[in-house]
Amino acid sequence: MLHTHSFHSLATMPEPRPTGLLQSVVEARLACAAHSPRNRRRAQELAWEWVGAKWPRLLPQARDIEQAHVERVLHDQALRVTTSNDGRTWTLTVMHGEKRSQRIWTTVAQVVDTGHADIVGVQTTCSEASHAPPVVAPPRVLGAWVEQLALDDGGYAVLGEPRHVNELSQLEAFCAHVMSERRSLPIIALTHKPQSRHYGVDPGGLALAVRGLAHVACLSPEIAAAVPAALGQGSRLVQGTARIFAPGFHARNADERHPLLRDKSAGAGAPSDDPGAFRRVLVRHVCAISVKTLGARRGLKH
């Protein structure tokens, strides 16, 4: 059981940042297709619904939710909500202890009016970074935003379902998406054998698990075979594996920065005994990419 004093720093912590003892494990920052007070209010409502479903004891009275500053501290959970003086940035921070562990998880959900766009973002960090977290996954508020706010990634809709690429015209659009300098999310590309529909992972389940962190594309065998001619040999797709095209794709560093991941838990060409194992590997991988991508962007700003 965590002690209450573990959470007393919440009031003085403006925003969790990675340090030697604090590791960022998931980050996302996406634009909304809509830009309006109503859209931002809905984003905040979805964040409150997430808190109510996961930490009901932290949910304040309905009359207090509208306040510019809300704070609640329990023995192993804490919540703080702040609104900037200009009213453009709304930040919700939740800290909670992990059962049977001294690890503390912190998630920051933010809704920002930049003046020309509505931006929603999340960051999850954990303490005791020397020991890898047993489970890393995007917070569900990000999935709720994807489903209900029409999020955009450099001109491409952020979806909770895979895109299917079965025709040459769709291949051209897929390659344009991979090469786009505007996208900030990775693309997970899957394919299957001609006489099989086995992708190595359930595409629908994967797309749902990584919504807001990655795009998922399912290519037919014929279309997959044409990808290297368009994007270079380092972009080759293989049945039952996943090629992850990170943001900033270039054919010269495809193997290095855009790896082909295999399900090591499965036998030769056979499905794994644990159908969710490969999905969890891919989720952890795109979570790591999310931290690296946004971390690099913060570095560029400095």
C-alpha atoms as a PDB file:
ATOM      1  CA  MET A   1       0.000   0.000   0.000  1.00  0.00           C
ATOM      2  CA  LEU A   2       1.339   3.435  -0.917  1.00  0.00           C
ATOM      3  CA  HIS A   3       1.578   6.132   1.689  1.00  0.00           C
ATOM      4  CA  THR A   4      -0.410   9.345   1.407  1.00  0.00           C
ATOM      5  CA  HIS A   5       2.728  11.491   1.249  1.00  0.00           C
ATOM      6  CA  SER A   6       3.603   9.865  -2.079  1.00  0.00           C
ATOM      7  CA  PHE A   7       0.894  11.988  -3.653  1.00  0.00           C
ATOM      8  CA  HIS A   8       1.393  15.270  -1.818  1.00  0.00           C
ATOM      9  CA  SER A   9       3.644  16.578  -4.607  1.00  0.00           C
ATOM     10  CA  LEU A  10       0.654  16.735  -6.945  1.00  0.00           C
ATOM     11  CA  ALA A  11      -0.267  20.271  -5.920  1.00  0.00           C
ATOM     12  CA  THR A  12       3.178  21.621  -6.811  1.00  0.00           C
ATOM     13  CA  MET A  13       3.828  19.527  -9.913  1.00  0.00           C
ATOM     14  CA  PRO A  14       2.888  21.558 -13.019  1.00  0.00           C
ATOM     15  CA  GLU A  15       3.217  18.605 -15.370  1.00  0.00           C
ATOM     16  CA  PRO A  16       4.937  15.214 -15.034  1.00  0.00           C
ATOM     17  CA  ARG A  17       8.161  15.040 -17.036  1.00  0.00           C
ATOM     18  CA  PRO A  18      10.596  12.155 -17.539  1.00  0.00           C
ATOM     19  CA  THR A  19      13.465  12.229 -15.060  1.00  0.00           C
ATOM     20  CA  GLY A  20      15.895   9.673 -13.739  1.00  0.00           C
ATOM     21  CA  LEU A  21      13.067   8.214 -11.626  1.00  0.00           C
ATOM     22  CA  LEU A  22      10.153   8.947 -13.925  1.00  0.00           C
ATOM     23  CA  GLN A  23       9.764   7.356 -17.348  1.00  0.00           C
ATOM     24  CA  SER A  24       7.317   8.376 -20.044  1.00  0.00           C
ATOM     25  CA  VAL A  25       5.681   5.281 -21.535  1.00  0.00           C
ATOM     26  CA  VAL A  26       2.906   6.701 -23.755  1.00  0.00           C
ATOM     27  CA  GLU A  27       2.474  10.096 -25.407  1.00  0.00           C
ATOM     28  CA  ALA A  28       0.030  11.433 -27.981  1.00  0.00           C
ATOM     29  CA  ARG A  29      -0.839  14.876 -29.301  1.00  0.00           C
ATOM     30  CA  LEU A  30      -3.411  15.161 -32.085  1.00  0.00           C
ATOM     31  CA  ALA A  31      -5.505  17.835 -33.758  1.00  0.00           C
ATOM     32  CA  CYS A  32      -9.280  17.730 -33.933  1.00  0.00           C
ATOM     33  CA  ALA A  33     -11.090  18.208 -37.220  1.00  0.00           C
ATOM     34  CA  ALA A  34     -13.442  20.581 -35.391  1.00  0.00           C
ATOM     35  CA  HIS A  35     -12.385  23.798 -33.669  1.00  0.00           C
ATOM     36  CA  SER A  36     -15.046  25.099 -31.324  1.00  0.00           C
ATOM     37  CA  PRO A  37     -15.926  25.552 -27.637  1.00  0.00           C
ATOM     38  CA  ARG A  38     -18.431  22.722 -28.011  1.00  0.00           C
ATOM     39  CA  ASN A  39     -15.737  20.375 -29.335  1.00  0.00           C
ATOM     40  CA  ARG A  40     -13.350  21.226 -26.490  1.00  0.00           C
ATOM     41  CA  ARG A  41     -16.108  20.784 -23.945  1.00  0.00           C
ATOM     42  CA  ARG A  42     -16.874  17.331 -25.341  1.00  0.00           C
ATOM     43  CA  ALA A  43     -13.196  16.402 -25.094  1.00  0.00           C
ATOM     44  CA  GLN A  44     -13.222  17.406 -21.437  1.00  0.00           C
ATOM     45  CA  GLU A  45     -16.432  15.479 -20.798  1.00  0.00           C
ATOM     46  CA  LEU A  46     -14.857  12.340 -22.239  1.00  0.00           C
ATOM     47  CA  ALA A  47     -11.877  12.784 -19.935  1.00  0.00           C
ATOM     48  CA  TRP A  48     -14.199  13.093 -16.931  1.00  0.00           C
ATOM     49  CA  GLU A  49     -16.091   9.969 -18.053  1.00  0.00           C
ATOM     50  CA  TRP A  50     -12.770   8.118 -18.194  1.00  0.00           C
ATOM     51  CA  VAL A  51     -11.933   9.212 -14.641  1.00  0.00           C
ATOM     52  CA  GLY A  52     -15.394   8.197 -13.413  1.00  0.00           C
ATOM     53  CA  ALA A  53     -15.108   4.738 -14.968  1.00  0.00           C
ATOM     54  CA  LYS A  54     -11.575   4.024 -13.757  1.00  0.00           C
ATOM     55  CA  TRP A  55     -11.296   5.966 -10.483  1.00  0.00           C
ATOM     56  CA  PRO A  56     -14.873   6.716  -9.341  1.00  0.00           C
ATOM     57  CA  ARG A  57     -13.693   7.899  -5.907  1.00  0.00           C
ATOM     58  CA  LEU A  58     -11.788  10.739  -7.574  1.00  0.00           C
ATOM     59  CA  LEU A  59     -14.814  12.094  -9.407  1.00  0.00           C
ATOM     60  CA  PRO A  60     -15.919  15.385  -7.772  1.00  0.00           C
ATOM     61  CA  GLN A  61     -19.459  16.619  -7.349  1.00  0.00           C
ATOM     62  CA  ALA A  62     -21.128  17.742 -10.581  1.00  0.00           C
ATOM     63  CA  ARG A  63     -21.076  21.373  -9.455  1.00  0.00           C
ATOM     64  CA  ASP A  64     -17.308  21.217  -8.898  1.00  0.00           C
ATOM     65  CA  ILE A  65     -16.453  19.788 -12.307  1.00  0.00           C
ATOM     66  CA  GLU A  66     -16.977  23.216 -13.876  1.00  0.00           C
ATOM     67  CA  GLN A  67     -14.459  24.864 -11.563  1.00  0.00           C
ATOM     68  CA  ALA A  68     -11.181  26.191 -12.996  1.00  0.00           C
ATOM     69  CA  HIS A  69      -9.257  24.300 -10.311  1.00  0.00           C
ATOM     70  CA  VAL A  70     -10.206  20.899  -8.874  1.00  0.00           C
ATOM     71  CA  GLU A  71      -8.072  18.778  -6.582  1.00  0.00           C
ATOM     72  CA  ARG A  72      -8.733  15.503  -4.768  1.00  0.00           C
ATOM     73  CA  VAL A  73      -6.181  13.390  -2.873  1.00  0.00           C
ATOM     74  CA  LEU A  74      -6.888   9.926  -1.478  1.00  0.00           C
ATOM     75  CA  HIS A  75      -4.516   7.443   0.107  1.00  0.00           C
ATOM     76  CA  ASP A  76      -3.415   5.900  -3.219  1.00  0.00           C
ATOM     77  CA  GLN A  77      -4.996   8.161  -5.839  1.00  0.00           C
ATOM     78  CA  ALA A  78      -4.891  11.848  -6.662  1.00  0.00           C
ATOM     79  CA  LEU A  79      -6.479  14.145  -9.214  1.00  0.00           C
ATOM     80  CA  ARG A  80      -5.888  17.721 -10.226  1.00  0.00           C
ATOM     81  CA  VAL A  81      -7.612  19.774 -12.927  1.00  0.00           C
ATOM     82  CA  THR A  82      -6.462  23.245 -13.915  1.00  0.00           C
ATOM     83  CA  THR A  83      -7.445  25.787 -16.538  1.00  0.00           C
ATOM     84  CA  SER A  84      -4.917  28.355 -17.750  1.00  0.00           C
ATOM     85  CA  ASN A  85      -5.537  32.038 -17.079  1.00  0.00           C
ATOM     86  CA  ASP A  86      -6.427  32.671 -20.726  1.00  0.00           C
ATOM     87  CA  GLY A  87      -8.839  29.703 -20.686  1.00  0.00           C
ATOM     88  CA  ARG A  88      -7.151  28.014 -23.618  1.00  0.00           C
ATOM     89  CA  THR A  89      -5.482  25.084 -21.848  1.00  0.00           C
ATOM     90  CA  TRP A  90      -7.376  22.573 -19.708  1.00  0.00           C
ATOM     91  CA  THR A  91      -5.228  19.972 -17.939  1.00  0.00           C
ATOM     92  CA  LEU A  92      -6.347  16.916 -15.994  1.00  0.00           C
ATOM     93  CA  THR A  93      -3.713  14.984 -14.039  1.00  0.00           C
ATOM     94  CA  VAL A  94      -4.324  11.617 -12.368  1.00  0.00           C
ATOM     95  CA  MET A  95      -1.858   9.726 -10.179  1.00  0.00           C
ATOM     96  CA  HIS A  96      -2.471   6.254  -8.812  1.00  0.00           C
ATOM     97  CA  GLY A  97      -0.523   3.474  -7.179  1.00  0.00           C
ATOM     98  CA  GLU A  98      -0.069   0.069  -8.738  1.00  0.00           C
ATOM     99  CA  LYS A  99      -1.347  -2.864  -6.710  1.00  0.00           C
ATOM    100  CA  ARG A 100       1.342  -5.046  -5.134  1.00  0.00           C
ATOM    101  CA  SER A 101       3.977  -2.525  -6.186  1.00  0.00           C
ATOM    102  CA  GLN A 102       5.468   0.808  -5.144  1.00  0.00           C
ATOM    103  CA  ARG A 103       5.209   2.042  -8.737  1.00  0.00           C
ATOM    104  CA  ILE A 104       3.166   5.203  -9.294  1.00  0.00           C
ATOM    105  CA  TRP A 105       1.457   5.921 -12.612  1.00  0.00           C
ATOM    106  CA  THR A 106       0.679   9.463 -13.732  1.00  0.00           C
ATOM    107  CA  THR A 107      -1.500  10.369 -16.712  1.00  0.00           C
ATOM    108  CA  VAL A 108      -1.965  13.904 -17.981  1.00  0.00           C
ATOM    109  CA  ALA A 109      -4.858  14.597 -20.365  1.00  0.00           C
ATOM    110  CA  GLN A 110      -4.910  18.005 -22.000  1.00  0.00           C
ATOM    111  CA  VAL A 111      -7.322  19.946 -24.215  1.00  0.00           C
ATOM    112  CA  VAL A 112      -5.854  23.037 -25.877  1.00  0.00           C
ATOM    113  CA  ASP A 113      -7.242  25.804 -28.057  1.00  0.00           C
ATOM    114  CA  THR A 114      -4.250  26.985 -30.090  1.00  0.00           C
ATOM    115  CA  GLY A 115      -6.273  29.709 -31.768  1.00  0.00           C
ATOM    116  CA  HIS A 116      -6.490  27.869 -35.075  1.00  0.00           C
ATOM    117  CA  ALA A 117      -7.049  24.270 -33.925  1.00  0.00           C
ATOM    118  CA  ASP A 118      -8.213  22.177 -31.001  1.00  0.00           C
ATOM    119  CA  ILE A 119      -5.473  19.848 -29.750  1.00  0.00           C
ATOM    120  CA  VAL A 120      -5.930  16.889 -27.408  1.00  0.00           C
ATOM    121  CA  GLY A 121      -3.005  15.137 -25.820  1.00  0.00           C
ATOM    122  CA  VAL A 122      -2.075  12.542 -23.227  1.00  0.00           C
ATOM    123  CA  GLN A 123       1.103  11.502 -21.489  1.00  0.00           C
ATOM    124  CA  THR A 124       1.483   8.527 -19.165  1.00  0.00           C
ATOM    125  CA  THR A 125       4.559   8.144 -16.990  1.00  0.00           C
ATOM    126  CA  CYS A 126       5.552   5.643 -14.332  1.00  0.00           C
ATOM    127  CA  SER A 127       8.008   5.659 -11.472  1.00  0.00           C
ATOM    128  CA  GLU A 128      10.625   2.978 -10.778  1.00  0.00           C
ATOM    129  CA  ALA A 129      11.697   3.105 -14.402  1.00  0.00           C
ATOM    130  CA  SER A 130      14.584   0.729 -13.711  1.00  0.00           C
ATOM    131  CA  HIS A 131      12.010  -2.069 -13.799  1.00  0.00           C
ATOM    132  CA  ALA A 132      10.035  -2.259 -17.038  1.00  0.00           C
ATOM    133  CA  PRO A 133       6.288  -1.821 -16.523  1.00  0.00           C
ATOM    134  CA  PRO A 134       4.464  -5.164 -16.870  1.00  0.00           C
ATOM    135  CA  VAL A 135       1.691  -3.640 -18.995  1.00  0.00           C
ATOM    136  CA  VAL A 136       2.021  -0.634 -21.282  1.00  0.00           C
ATOM    137  CA  ALA A 137      -1.026   0.552 -23.202  1.00  0.00           C
ATOM    138  CA  PRO A 138      -2.587   3.864 -24.213  1.00  0.00           C
ATOM    139  CA  PRO A 139      -5.073   5.301 -21.696  1.00  0.00           C
ATOM    140  CA  ARG A 140      -8.679   4.714 -22.691  1.00  0.00           C
ATOM    141  CA  VAL A 141      -9.430   8.416 -22.838  1.00  0.00           C
ATOM    142  CA  LEU A 142      -7.339   8.524 -26.014  1.00  0.00           C
ATOM    143  CA  GLY A 143      -9.544   5.835 -27.567  1.00  0.00           C
ATOM    144  CA  ALA A 144     -12.661   7.764 -26.554  1.00  0.00           C
ATOM    145  CA  TRP A 145     -11.303  10.879 -28.231  1.00  0.00           C
ATOM    146  CA  VAL A 146     -10.544   8.914 -31.404  1.00  0.00           C
ATOM    147  CA  GLU A 147     -14.054   7.493 -31.508  1.00  0.00           C
ATOM    148  CA  GLN A 148     -15.921  10.728 -30.858  1.00  0.00           C
ATOM    149  CA  LEU A 149     -13.814  13.748 -31.834  1.00  0.00           C
ATOM    150  CA  ALA A 150     -12.686  13.067 -35.434  1.00  0.00           C
ATOM    151  CA  LEU A 151      -8.949  13.407 -34.837  1.00  0.00           C
ATOM    152  CA  ASP A 152      -6.518  14.222 -37.621  1.00  0.00           C
ATOM    153  CA  ASP A 153      -2.904  13.214 -38.256  1.00  0.00           C
ATOM    154  CA  GLY A 154      -1.419  15.431 -40.942  1.00  0.00           C
ATOM    155  CA  GLY A 155      -4.501  15.260 -43.128  1.00  0.00           C
ATOM    156  CA  TYR A 156      -5.266  11.589 -42.439  1.00  0.00           C
ATOM    157  CA  ALA A 157      -8.161  10.574 -40.205  1.00  0.00           C
ATOM    158  CA  VAL A 158      -7.185   8.778 -37.002  1.00  0.00           C
ATOM    159  CA  LEU A 159      -9.285   5.610 -36.857  1.00  0.00           C
ATOM    160  CA  GLY A 160      -9.903   2.688 -34.557  1.00  0.00           C
ATOM    161  CA  GLU A 161     -10.098   0.253 -37.475  1.00  0.00           C
ATOM    162  CA  PRO A 162      -7.664  -0.935 -40.172  1.00  0.00           C
ATOM    163  CA  ARG A 163      -7.445   0.514 -43.670  1.00  0.00           C
ATOM    164  CA  HIS A 164      -7.593  -2.118 -46.428  1.00  0.00           C
ATOM    165  CA  VAL A 165      -5.304  -1.779 -49.427  1.00  0.00           C
ATOM    166  CA  ASN A 166      -6.429  -4.168 -52.168  1.00  0.00           C
ATOM    167  CA  GLU A 167      -6.123  -2.191 -55.412  1.00  0.00           C
ATOM    168  CA  LEU A 168      -3.350  -0.309 -57.218  1.00  0.00           C
ATOM    169  CA  SER A 169      -5.116   3.004 -56.665  1.00  0.00           C
ATOM    170  CA  GLN A 170      -5.182   2.253 -52.935  1.00  0.00           C
ATOM    171  CA  LEU A 171      -1.492   1.332 -53.056  1.00  0.00           C
ATOM    172  CA  GLU A 172      -0.680   4.799 -54.380  1.00  0.00           C
ATOM    173  CA  ALA A 173      -2.591   6.358 -51.498  1.00  0.00           C
ATOM    174  CA  PHE A 174      -0.882   4.017 -49.011  1.00  0.00           C
ATOM    175  CA  CYS A 175       2.586   4.966 -50.286  1.00  0.00           C
ATOM    176  CA  ALA A 176       1.697   8.654 -50.128  1.00  0.00           C
ATOM    177  CA  HIS A 177       0.641   8.158 -46.520  1.00  0.00           C
ATOM    178  CA  VAL A 178       3.896   6.370 -45.665  1.00  0.00           C
ATOM    179  CA  MET A 179       5.978   9.107 -47.338  1.00  0.00           C
ATOM    180  CA  SER A 180       3.984  12.000 -45.881  1.00  0.00           C
ATOM    181  CA  GLU A 181       6.133  14.395 -43.878  1.00  0.00           C
ATOM    182  CA  ARG A 182       3.042  15.669 -42.061  1.00  0.00           C
ATOM    183  CA  ARG A 183       2.046  12.465 -40.291  1.00  0.00           C
ATOM    184  CA  SER A 184       3.182  12.003 -36.698  1.00  0.00           C
ATOM    185  CA  LEU A 185       1.833   8.474 -36.121  1.00  0.00           C
ATOM    186  CA  PRO A 186       3.472   5.238 -37.287  1.00  0.00           C
ATOM    187  CA  ILE A 187       1.772   2.958 -39.800  1.00  0.00           C
ATOM    188  CA  ILE A 188       1.594  -0.761 -39.003  1.00  0.00           C
ATOM    189  CA  ALA A 189       1.416  -2.647 -42.316  1.00  0.00           C
ATOM    190  CA  LEU A 190       0.160  -6.252 -42.387  1.00  0.00           C
ATOM    191  CA  THR A 191      -0.307  -8.833 -45.121  1.00  0.00           C
ATOM    192  CA  HIS A 192      -1.239 -12.510 -45.548  1.00  0.00           C
ATOM    193  CA  LYS A 193      -0.542 -15.455 -47.858  1.00  0.00           C
ATOM    194  CA  PRO A 194      -2.682 -15.883 -51.011  1.00  0.00           C
ATOM    195  CA  GLN A 195      -4.521 -18.898 -49.613  1.00  0.00           C
ATOM    196  CA  SER A 196      -4.793 -17.640 -46.039  1.00  0.00           C
ATOM    197  CA  ARG A 197      -6.263 -14.736 -44.123  1.00  0.00           C
ATOM    198  CA  HIS A 198      -3.767 -15.086 -41.273  1.00  0.00           C
ATOM    199  CA  TYR A 199      -2.051 -11.726 -40.695  1.00  0.00           C
ATOM    200  CA  GLY A 200      -0.145 -12.841 -37.618  1.00  0.00           C
ATOM    201  CA  VAL A 201      -2.408 -10.626 -35.516  1.00  0.00           C
ATOM    202  CA  ASP A 202      -6.087  -9.742 -35.595  1.00  0.00           C
ATOM    203  CA  PRO A 203      -6.104  -6.431 -37.543  1.00  0.00           C
ATOM    204  CA  GLY A 204      -9.329  -5.179 -35.970  1.00  0.00           C
ATOM    205  CA  GLY A 205      -8.180  -5.895 -32.437  1.00  0.00           C
ATOM    206  CA  LEU A 206      -4.804  -4.316 -33.141  1.00  0.00           C
ATOM    207  CA  ALA A 207      -6.312  -1.159 -34.662  1.00  0.00           C
ATOM    208  CA  LEU A 208      -8.555  -0.809 -31.626  1.00  0.00           C
ATOM    209  CA  ALA A 209      -5.636  -1.287 -29.233  1.00  0.00           C
ATOM    210  CA  VAL A 210      -3.399   1.332 -30.895  1.00  0.00           C
ATOM    211  CA  ARG A 211      -6.051   3.890 -31.866  1.00  0.00           C
ATOM    212  CA  GLY A 212      -4.626   7.341 -31.433  1.00  0.00           C
ATOM    213  CA  LEU A 213      -1.054   5.996 -31.513  1.00  0.00           C
ATOM    214  CA  ALA A 214      -0.799   4.321 -34.928  1.00  0.00           C
ATOM    215  CA  HIS A 215      -2.552   3.639 -38.214  1.00  0.00           C
ATOM    216  CA  VAL A 216      -3.100   0.003 -39.256  1.00  0.00           C
ATOM    217  CA  ALA A 217      -3.090  -1.021 -42.932  1.00  0.00           C
ATOM    218  CA  CYS A 218      -3.969  -4.469 -44.319  1.00  0.00           C
ATOM    219  CA  LEU A 219      -2.440  -5.134 -47.742  1.00  0.00           C
ATOM    220  CA  SER A 220      -3.453  -7.979 -50.058  1.00  0.00           C
ATOM    221  CA  PRO A 221      -0.565 -10.292 -51.096  1.00  0.00           C
ATOM    222  CA  GLU A 222      -0.519  -8.860 -54.633  1.00  0.00           C
ATOM    223  CA  ILE A 223      -0.379  -5.272 -53.420  1.00  0.00           C
ATOM    224  CA  ALA A 224       2.170  -6.092 -50.713  1.00  0.00           C
ATOM    225  CA  ALA A 225       4.459  -7.573 -53.367  1.00  0.00           C
ATOM    226  CA  ALA A 226       4.439  -4.217 -55.185  1.00  0.00           C
ATOM    227  CA  VAL A 227       5.431  -2.140 -52.147  1.00  0.00           C
ATOM    228  CA  PRO A 228       9.260  -2.520 -52.456  1.00  0.00           C
ATOM    229  CA  ALA A 229       9.170  -1.172 -56.014  1.00  0.00           C
ATOM    230  CA  ALA A 230       7.475   1.954 -54.739  1.00  0.00           C
ATOM    231  CA  LEU A 231       9.168   2.439 -51.363  1.00  0.00           C
ATOM    232  CA  GLY A 232      12.465   0.511 -51.598  1.00  0.00           C
ATOM    233  CA  GLN A 233      13.618  -2.962 -50.630  1.00  0.00           C
ATOM    234  CA  GLY A 234      13.670  -2.061 -46.957  1.00  0.00           C
ATOM    235  CA  SER A 235       9.888  -1.761 -47.065  1.00  0.00           C
ATOM    236  CA  ARG A 236       9.225  -5.417 -47.962  1.00  0.00           C
ATOM    237  CA  LEU A 237       6.174  -6.952 -46.279  1.00  0.00           C
ATOM    238  CA  VAL A 238       6.023 -10.570 -45.131  1.00  0.00           C
ATOM    239  CA  GLN A 239       2.948 -12.605 -44.244  1.00  0.00           C
ATOM    240  CA  GLY A 240       2.404 -12.957 -40.520  1.00  0.00           C
ATOM    241  CA  THR A 241       4.726 -10.079 -39.615  1.00  0.00           C
ATOM    242  CA  ALA A 242       4.235  -6.351 -39.108  1.00  0.00           C
ATOM    243  CA  ARG A 243       6.235  -3.635 -40.834  1.00  0.00           C
ATOM    244  CA  ILE A 244       6.125  -0.455 -38.766  1.00  0.00           C
ATOM    245  CA  PHE A 245       6.696   2.681 -40.811  1.00  0.00           C
ATOM    246  CA  ALA A 246       7.683   5.297 -38.252  1.00  0.00           C
ATOM    247  CA  PRO A 247       7.124   8.993 -38.980  1.00  0.00           C
ATOM    248  CA  GLY A 248       9.771  10.427 -41.280  1.00  0.00           C
ATOM    249  CA  PHE A 249      10.034   7.361 -43.516  1.00  0.00           C
ATOM    250  CA  HIS A 250      12.890   7.209 -45.978  1.00  0.00           C
ATOM    251  CA  ALA A 251      13.780   4.157 -48.057  1.00  0.00           C
ATOM    252  CA  ARG A 252      17.473   4.429 -47.141  1.00  0.00           C
ATOM    253  CA  ASN A 253      16.837   3.725 -43.465  1.00  0.00           C
ATOM    254  CA  ALA A 254      13.779   1.498 -43.751  1.00  0.00           C
ATOM    255  CA  ASP A 255      15.303  -1.563 -42.062  1.00  0.00           C
ATOM    256  CA  GLU A 256      16.831   0.513 -39.296  1.00  0.00           C
ATOM    257  CA  ARG A 257      13.979   2.808 -38.286  1.00  0.00           C
ATOM    258  CA  HIS A 258      11.008   0.983 -39.772  1.00  0.00           C
ATOM    259  CA  PRO A 259      11.451  -2.605 -38.606  1.00  0.00           C
ATOM    260  CA  LEU A 260       9.761  -5.808 -39.612  1.00  0.00           C
ATOM    261  CA  LEU A 261       8.525  -7.412 -36.394  1.00  0.00           C
ATOM    262  CA  ARG A 262       7.759 -11.118 -36.070  1.00  0.00           C
ATOM    263  CA  ASP A 263       5.622 -13.049 -33.625  1.00  0.00           C
ATOM    264  CA  LYS A 264       8.337 -14.967 -31.791  1.00  0.00           C
ATOM    265  CA  SER A 265       5.760 -16.855 -29.739  1.00  0.00           C
ATOM    266  CA  ALA A 266       4.363 -18.609 -32.836  1.00  0.00           C
ATOM    267  CA  GLY A 267       5.732 -21.667 -34.589  1.00  0.00           C
ATOM    268  CA  ALA A 268       6.873 -21.672 -38.203  1.00  0.00           C
ATOM    269  CA  GLY A 269       3.903 -20.268 -40.107  1.00  0.00           C
ATOM    270  CA  ALA A 270       1.470 -21.343 -37.380  1.00  0.00           C
ATOM    271  CA  PRO A 271      -0.659 -19.078 -35.191  1.00  0.00           C
ATOM    272  CA  SER A 272       0.525 -18.506 -31.639  1.00  0.00           C
ATOM    273  CA  ASP A 273      -1.092 -20.318 -28.724  1.00  0.00           C
ATOM    274  CA  ASP A 274      -1.634 -16.846 -27.283  1.00  0.00           C
ATOM    275  CA  PRO A 275      -3.305 -14.810 -30.053  1.00  0.00           C
ATOM    276  CA  GLY A 276      -2.922 -11.624 -28.035  1.00  0.00           C
ATOM    277  CA  ALA A 277       0.844 -11.947 -27.486  1.00  0.00           C
ATOM    278  CA  PHE A 278       1.928 -10.394 -30.788  1.00  0.00           C
ATOM    279  CA  ARG A 279      -0.624  -7.610 -30.411  1.00  0.00           C
ATOM    280  CA  ARG A 280       0.842  -6.702 -27.020  1.00  0.00           C
ATOM    281  CA  VAL A 281       4.338  -6.609 -28.527  1.00  0.00           C
ATOM    282  CA  LEU A 282       3.145  -4.218 -31.238  1.00  0.00           C
ATOM    283  CA  VAL A 283       1.302  -2.031 -28.727  1.00  0.00           C
ATOM    284  CA  ARG A 284       4.453  -1.695 -26.607  1.00  0.00           C
ATOM    285  CA  HIS A 285       6.464  -0.876 -29.720  1.00  0.00           C
ATOM    286  CA  VAL A 286       4.180   1.933 -30.895  1.00  0.00           C
ATOM    287  CA  CYS A 287       3.978   3.290 -27.349  1.00  0.00           C
ATOM    288  CA  ALA A 288       7.774   3.565 -27.382  1.00  0.00           C
ATOM    289  CA  ILE A 289       7.635   5.276 -30.786  1.00  0.00           C
ATOM    290  CA  SER A 290       5.095   7.772 -29.414  1.00  0.00           C
ATOM    291  CA  VAL A 291       7.470   8.805 -26.632  1.00  0.00           C
ATOM    292  CA  LYS A 292      10.435   9.077 -28.989  1.00  0.00           C
ATOM    293  CA  THR A 293       8.502  11.084 -31.591  1.00  0.00           C
ATOM    294  CA  LEU A 294       7.064  13.680 -29.218  1.00  0.00           C
ATOM    295  CA  GLY A 295      10.306  13.831 -27.248  1.00  0.00           C
ATOM    296  CA  ALA A 296      12.186  14.695 -30.440  1.00  0.00           C
ATOM    297  CA  ARG A 297       9.666  17.411 -31.258  1.00  0.00           C
ATOM    298  CA  ARG A 298      10.064  18.979 -27.835  1.00  0.00           C
ATOM    299  CA  GLY A 299      13.815  18.954 -28.383  1.00  0.00           C
ATOM    300  CA  LEU A 300      13.436  20.786 -31.685  1.00  0.00           C
ATOM    301  CA  LYS A 301      11.378  23.500 -29.978  1.00  0.00           C
ATOM    302  CA  HIS A 302      14.190  24.151 -27.514  1.00  0.00           C
END
